[in-house]
PDB file of N, CA and C in Angstrom:
ATOM      1  N   MET A   1      14.831 -17.504  21.894  1.00  0.00           N
ATOM      2  CA  MET A   1      13.814 -17.860  20.899  1.00  0.00           C
ATOM      3  C   MET A   1      14.215 -17.245  19.634  1.00  0.00           C
ATOM      4  N   LYS A   2      13.471 -17.569  18.614  1.00  0.00           N
ATOM      5  CA  LYS A   2      13.737 -17.344  17.006  1.00  0.00           C
ATOM      6  C   LYS A   2      12.698 -16.439  17.000  1.00  0.00           C
ATOM      7  N   VAL A   3      12.780 -15.125  16.458  1.00  0.00           N
ATOM      8  CA  VAL A   3      11.986 -14.097  16.017  1.00  0.00           C
ATOM      9  C   VAL A   3      12.176 -13.868  14.767  1.00  0.00           C
ATOM     10  N   ARG A   4      11.299 -13.022  14.077  1.00  0.00           N
ATOM     11  CA  ARG A   4      11.690 -12.405  12.614  1.00  0.00           C
ATOM     12  C   ARG A   4      11.759 -10.986  12.741  1.00  0.00           C
ATOM     13  N   ILE A   5      12.686 -10.471  12.581  1.00  0.00           N
ATOM     14  CA  ILE A   5      12.823  -8.754  12.632  1.00  0.00           C
ATOM     15  C   ILE A   5      13.205  -8.229  11.655  1.00  0.00           C
ATOM     16  N   ASN A   6      12.432  -7.404  11.074  1.00  0.00           N
ATOM     17  CA  ASN A   6      12.471  -6.808   9.400  1.00  0.00           C
ATOM     18  C   ASN A   6      13.057  -7.639   8.580  1.00  0.00           C
ATOM     19  N   ASN A   7      11.901  -8.611   8.317  1.00  0.00           N
ATOM     20  CA  ASN A   7      12.349  -9.756   7.558  1.00  0.00           C
ATOM     21  C   ASN A   7      13.427 -10.809   7.816  1.00  0.00           C
ATOM     22  N   LYS A   8      14.258 -10.687   8.826  1.00  0.00           N
ATOM     23  CA  LYS A   8      15.439 -11.409   8.872  1.00  0.00           C
ATOM     24  C   LYS A   8      14.777 -12.374  10.169  1.00  0.00           C
ATOM     25  N   GLN A   9      15.855 -13.310  10.495  1.00  0.00           N
ATOM     26  CA  GLN A   9      15.506 -14.280  11.402  1.00  0.00           C
ATOM     27  C   GLN A   9      16.486 -14.090  12.067  1.00  0.00           C
ATOM     28  N   HIS A  10      16.123 -13.711  13.666  1.00  0.00           N
ATOM     29  CA  HIS A  10      16.930 -13.558  14.767  1.00  0.00           C
ATOM     30  C   HIS A  10      16.752 -14.241  16.275  1.00  0.00           C
ATOM     31  N   GLU A  11      17.826 -14.524  16.678  1.00  0.00           N
ATOM     32  CA  GLU A  11      17.901 -15.461  17.931  1.00  0.00           C
ATOM     33  C   GLU A  11      18.087 -14.492  19.017  1.00  0.00           C
ATOM     34  N   THR A  12      17.124 -14.482  19.927  1.00  0.00           N
ATOM     35  CA  THR A  12      17.368 -13.457  21.034  1.00  0.00           C
ATOM     36  C   THR A  12      16.710 -14.272  22.291  1.00  0.00           C
ATOM     37  N   GLN A  13      17.094 -13.588  23.538  1.00  0.00           N
ATOM     38  CA  GLN A  13      17.247 -14.103  25.064  1.00  0.00           C
ATOM     39  C   GLN A  13      15.875 -13.191  25.512  1.00  0.00           C
ATOM     40  N   ALA A  14      15.845 -11.962  25.026  1.00  0.00           N
ATOM     41  CA  ALA A  14      14.985 -11.106  25.204  1.00  0.00           C
ATOM     42  C   ALA A  14      13.449 -11.565  25.706  1.00  0.00           C
ATOM     43  N   LYS A  15      12.983 -11.107  26.690  1.00  0.00           N
ATOM     44  CA  LYS A  15      11.371 -11.589  27.008  1.00  0.00           C
ATOM     45  C   LYS A  15      10.283 -10.607  26.846  1.00  0.00           C
ATOM     46  N   THR A  16      10.849  -9.288  26.776  1.00  0.00           N
ATOM     47  CA  THR A  16       9.871  -8.118  26.225  1.00  0.00           C
ATOM     48  C   THR A  16      10.187  -7.482  24.835  1.00  0.00           C
ATOM     49  N   VAL A  17       9.491  -6.420  24.743  1.00  0.00           N
ATOM     50  CA  VAL A  17       9.943  -5.467  23.750  1.00  0.00           C
ATOM     51  C   VAL A  17      10.934  -4.815  24.220  1.00  0.00           C
ATOM     52  N   SER A  18      10.947  -4.293  25.331  1.00  0.00           N
ATOM     53  CA  SER A  18      12.013  -3.193  25.846  1.00  0.00           C
ATOM     54  C   SER A  18      13.202  -4.066  26.245  1.00  0.00           C
ATOM     55  N   GLU A  19      13.215  -5.268  26.753  1.00  0.00           N
ATOM     56  CA  GLU A  19      14.491  -6.058  26.295  1.00  0.00           C
ATOM     57  C   GLU A  19      15.023  -6.047  25.210  1.00  0.00           C
ATOM     58  N   LEU A  20      14.331  -6.500  24.079  1.00  0.00           N
ATOM     59  CA  LEU A  20      14.739  -6.454  22.852  1.00  0.00           C
ATOM     60  C   LEU A  20      15.322  -5.352  22.220  1.00  0.00           C
ATOM     61  N   ALA A  21      14.666  -3.988  22.721  1.00  0.00           N
ATOM     62  CA  ALA A  21      15.035  -2.949  21.981  1.00  0.00           C
ATOM     63  C   ALA A  21      16.351  -2.546  22.872  1.00  0.00           C
ATOM     64  N   ALA A  22      16.828  -2.803  23.777  1.00  0.00           N
ATOM     65  CA  ALA A  22      18.064  -2.660  24.713  1.00  0.00           C
ATOM     66  C   ALA A  22      18.883  -3.644  24.061  1.00  0.00           C
ATOM     67  N   GLN A  23      18.803  -4.845  23.723  1.00  0.00           N
ATOM     68  CA  GLN A  23      19.729  -5.814  23.233  1.00  0.00           C
ATOM     69  C   GLN A  23      20.159  -5.087  21.634  1.00  0.00           C
ATOM     70  N   LEU A  24      18.967  -4.690  21.157  1.00  0.00           N
ATOM     71  CA  LEU A  24      19.676  -3.988  19.728  1.00  0.00           C
ATOM     72  C   LEU A  24      20.130  -3.059  19.544  1.00  0.00           C
ATOM     73  N   GLN A  25      20.438  -2.440  21.003  1.00  0.00           N
ATOM     74  CA  GLN A  25      20.883  -0.507  21.140  1.00  0.00           C
ATOM     75  C   GLN A  25      19.995   0.315  20.191  1.00  0.00           C
ATOM     76  N   LEU A  26      18.604   0.036  20.463  1.00  0.00           N
ATOM     77  CA  LEU A  26      18.055   1.076  19.474  1.00  0.00           C
ATOM     78  C   LEU A  26      17.861   2.390  20.478  1.00  0.00           C
ATOM     79  N   PRO A  27      17.829   3.591  19.983  1.00  0.00           N
ATOM     80  CA  PRO A  27      17.895   4.900  20.072  1.00  0.00           C
ATOM     81  C   PRO A  27      16.621   5.075  21.249  1.00  0.00           C
ATOM     82  N   ALA A  28      16.874   5.852  22.227  1.00  0.00           N
ATOM     83  CA  ALA A  28      15.535   6.275  23.069  1.00  0.00           C
ATOM     84  C   ALA A  28      14.085   6.927  22.683  1.00  0.00           C
ATOM     85  N   LYS A  29      14.580   7.631  21.354  1.00  0.00           N
ATOM     86  CA  LYS A  29      13.518   8.078  20.751  1.00  0.00           C
ATOM     87  C   LYS A  29      13.550   8.113  19.438  1.00  0.00           C
ATOM     88  N   GLY A  30      12.498   8.276  18.317  1.00  0.00           N
ATOM     89  CA  GLY A  30      12.179   7.909  16.994  1.00  0.00           C
ATOM     90  C   GLY A  30      12.442   6.698  16.406  1.00  0.00           C
ATOM     91  N   VAL A  31      11.635   5.545  17.253  1.00  0.00           N
ATOM     92  CA  VAL A  31      11.790   4.286  17.051  1.00  0.00           C
ATOM     93  C   VAL A  31      10.207   3.749  17.110  1.00  0.00           C
ATOM     94  N   ALA A  32       9.641   3.101  16.294  1.00  0.00           N
ATOM     95  CA  ALA A  32       8.526   2.448  16.421  1.00  0.00           C
ATOM     96  C   ALA A  32       8.771   1.103  15.985  1.00  0.00           C
ATOM     97  N   ILE A  33       7.954   0.256  16.850  1.00  0.00           N
ATOM     98  CA  ILE A  33       7.839  -1.095  17.024  1.00  0.00           C
ATOM     99  C   ILE A  33       6.326  -2.042  16.712  1.00  0.00           C
ATOM    100  N   ALA A  34       6.317  -2.943  15.931  1.00  0.00           N
ATOM    101  CA  ALA A  34       5.056  -3.403  15.528  1.00  0.00           C
ATOM    102  C   ALA A  34       5.547  -4.765  15.671  1.00  0.00           C
ATOM    103  N   ILE A  35       4.575  -5.533  16.518  1.00  0.00           N
ATOM    104  CA  ILE A  35       4.646  -7.184  16.525  1.00  0.00           C
ATOM    105  C   ILE A  35       3.224  -7.964  15.759  1.00  0.00           C
ATOM    106  N   ASP A  36       3.667  -8.643  14.970  1.00  0.00           N
ATOM    107  CA  ASP A  36       2.681  -9.229  14.134  1.00  0.00           C
ATOM    108  C   ASP A  36       1.863  -8.147  13.608  1.00  0.00           C
ATOM    109  N   ASN A  37       2.149  -6.781  13.270  1.00  0.00           N
ATOM    110  CA  ASN A  37       1.296  -5.991  12.622  1.00  0.00           C
ATOM    111  C   ASN A  37       0.545  -5.011  13.369  1.00  0.00           C
ATOM    112  N   GLU A  38       0.890  -5.380  14.572  1.00  0.00           N
ATOM    113  CA  GLU A  38       0.180  -4.189  15.680  1.00  0.00           C
ATOM    114  C   GLU A  38       1.315  -3.552  16.304  1.00  0.00           C
ATOM    115  N   LEU A  39       1.062  -2.186  16.010  1.00  0.00           N
ATOM    116  CA  LEU A  39       2.054  -1.157  16.382  1.00  0.00           C
ATOM    117  C   LEU A  39       2.110  -1.150  18.032  1.00  0.00           C
ATOM    118  N   LYS A  40       3.159  -1.455  18.660  1.00  0.00           N
ATOM    119  CA  LYS A  40       3.192  -1.241  20.241  1.00  0.00           C
ATOM    120  C   LYS A  40       3.685   0.033  20.749  1.00  0.00           C
ATOM    121  N   PRO A  41       2.985   1.009  21.608  1.00  0.00           N
ATOM    122  CA  PRO A  41       3.456   2.228  22.165  1.00  0.00           C
ATOM    123  C   PRO A  41       4.275   1.644  22.940  1.00  0.00           C
ATOM    124  N   ARG A  42       5.516   2.727  23.048  1.00  0.00           N
ATOM    125  CA  ARG A  42       6.774   2.680  23.882  1.00  0.00           C
ATOM    126  C   ARG A  42       6.431   2.596  25.106  1.00  0.00           C
ATOM    127  N   THR A  43       5.001   3.002  25.695  1.00  0.00           N
ATOM    128  CA  THR A  43       4.625   3.061  27.323  1.00  0.00           C
ATOM    129  C   THR A  43       4.293   1.299  27.694  1.00  0.00           C
ATOM    130  N   THR A  44       4.221   0.671  26.425  1.00  0.00           N
ATOM    131  CA  THR A  44       3.833  -0.752  26.770  1.00  0.00           C
ATOM    132  C   THR A  44       4.937  -1.559  26.315  1.00  0.00           C
ATOM    133  N   TRP A  45       6.064  -1.229  26.191  1.00  0.00           N
ATOM    134  CA  TRP A  45       7.363  -2.262  25.892  1.00  0.00           C
ATOM    135  C   TRP A  45       7.396  -3.060  26.998  1.00  0.00           C
ATOM    136  N   ASP A  46       7.609  -2.381  28.254  1.00  0.00           N
ATOM    137  CA  ASP A  46       7.938  -3.337  29.217  1.00  0.00           C
ATOM    138  C   ASP A  46       6.960  -4.396  29.596  1.00  0.00           C
ATOM    139  N   ASP A  47       5.491  -4.052  29.142  1.00  0.00           N
ATOM    140  CA  ASP A  47       4.675  -5.286  29.438  1.00  0.00           C
ATOM    141  C   ASP A  47       4.578  -6.198  28.656  1.00  0.00           C
ATOM    142  N   THR A  48       5.162  -5.770  27.151  1.00  0.00           N
ATOM    143  CA  THR A  48       4.573  -6.551  25.920  1.00  0.00           C
ATOM    144  C   THR A  48       5.661  -8.031  26.071  1.00  0.00           C
ATOM    145  N   ILE A  49       5.002  -9.028  26.170  1.00  0.00           N
ATOM    146  CA  ILE A  49       5.932 -10.033  25.905  1.00  0.00           C
ATOM    147  C   ILE A  49       6.045 -10.761  24.715  1.00  0.00           C
ATOM    148  N   LEU A  50       7.304 -10.994  24.451  1.00  0.00           N
ATOM    149  CA  LEU A  50       7.560 -11.538  22.850  1.00  0.00           C
ATOM    150  C   LEU A  50       7.382 -12.924  22.806  1.00  0.00           C
ATOM    151  N   GLN A  51       6.477 -13.725  21.717  1.00  0.00           N
ATOM    152  CA  GLN A  51       6.497 -15.138  21.656  1.00  0.00           C
ATOM    153  C   GLN A  51       7.314 -15.645  20.635  1.00  0.00           C
ATOM    154  N   GLU A  52       7.582 -16.948  20.590  1.00  0.00           N
ATOM    155  CA  GLU A  52       8.317 -17.174  19.746  1.00  0.00           C
ATOM    156  C   GLU A  52       8.022 -17.365  18.377  1.00  0.00           C
ATOM    157  N   GLY A  53       8.605 -17.237  17.105  1.00  0.00           N
ATOM    158  CA  GLY A  53       8.217 -16.877  15.843  1.00  0.00           C
ATOM    159  C   GLY A  53       7.491 -15.420  15.535  1.00  0.00           C
ATOM    160  N   ALA A  54       7.479 -14.779  16.396  1.00  0.00           N
ATOM    161  CA  ALA A  54       7.007 -13.274  16.386  1.00  0.00           C
ATOM    162  C   ALA A  54       7.365 -12.531  15.191  1.00  0.00           C
ATOM    163  N   THR A  55       6.742 -11.849  14.309  1.00  0.00           N
ATOM    164  CA  THR A  55       7.247 -11.040  13.148  1.00  0.00           C
ATOM    165  C   THR A  55       7.251  -9.591  13.868  1.00  0.00           C
ATOM    166  N   ILE A  56       8.609  -9.048  13.918  1.00  0.00           N
ATOM    167  CA  ILE A  56       8.559  -7.698  14.427  1.00  0.00           C
ATOM    168  C   ILE A  56       9.089  -6.737  13.328  1.00  0.00           C
ATOM    169  N   THR A  57       8.756  -5.688  13.334  1.00  0.00           N
ATOM    170  CA  THR A  57       9.011  -4.773  12.390  1.00  0.00           C
ATOM    171  C   THR A  57       9.375  -3.530  13.206  1.00  0.00           C
ATOM    172  N   ILE A  58      10.696  -3.043  12.773  1.00  0.00           N
ATOM    173  CA  ILE A  58      11.425  -2.069  13.741  1.00  0.00           C
ATOM    174  C   ILE A  58      11.445  -0.940  12.772  1.00  0.00           C
ATOM    175  N   ILE A  59      10.961   0.398  12.985  1.00  0.00           N
ATOM    176  CA  ILE A  59      11.076   1.550  12.255  1.00  0.00           C
ATOM    177  C   ILE A  59      11.684   2.533  12.964  1.00  0.00           C
ATOM    178  N   LYS A  60      12.813   3.236  12.294  1.00  0.00           N
ATOM    179  CA  LYS A  60      13.791   4.376  13.004  1.00  0.00           C
ATOM    180  C   LYS A  60      13.141   5.668  11.915  1.00  0.00           C
ATOM    181  N   ALA A  61      12.858   6.588  12.645  1.00  0.00           N
ATOM    182  CA  ALA A  61      12.529   7.992  12.002  1.00  0.00           C
ATOM    183  C   ALA A  61      13.822   8.506  11.543  1.00  0.00           C
ATOM    184  N   ALA A  62      13.451   9.029  10.242  1.00  0.00           N
ATOM    185  CA  ALA A  62      14.968   9.603   9.182  1.00  0.00           C
ATOM    186  C   ALA A  62      14.478  11.443   8.938  1.00  0.00           C
ATOM    187  N   CYS A  63      15.311  12.232   9.152  1.00  0.00           N
ATOM    188  CA  CYS A  63      15.231  13.447   8.838  1.00  0.00           C
ATOM    189  C   CYS A  63      15.687  13.573   7.066  1.00  0.00           C
ATOM    190  N   GLY A  64      14.890  14.674   6.684  1.00  0.00           N
ATOM    191  CA  GLY A  64      15.321  14.716   5.246  1.00  0.00           C
ATOM    192  C   GLY A  64      14.029  14.892   4.360  1.00  0.00           C
ATOM    193  N   GLY A  65      14.112  15.148   3.163  1.00  0.00           N
ATOM    194  CA  GLY A  65      13.086  14.905   2.324  1.00  0.00           C
ATOM    195  C   GLY A  65      13.161  14.618   1.015  1.00  0.00           C
TER     196      GLY A  65
END
């Protein structure tokens, strides 16, 4: 399916947010994911089904000032 991740078109076979996170090799901590501007808590990633054409925003925490 085609989804948009951080304003770039991506093709994925992932069905859930957790599968997408694994596919993208995201770190276990310090990552936030929003789908269509709705933040998805990590506890819901296994149950959140991805839809064709979804707009996904991935934010990684950074240290510094």
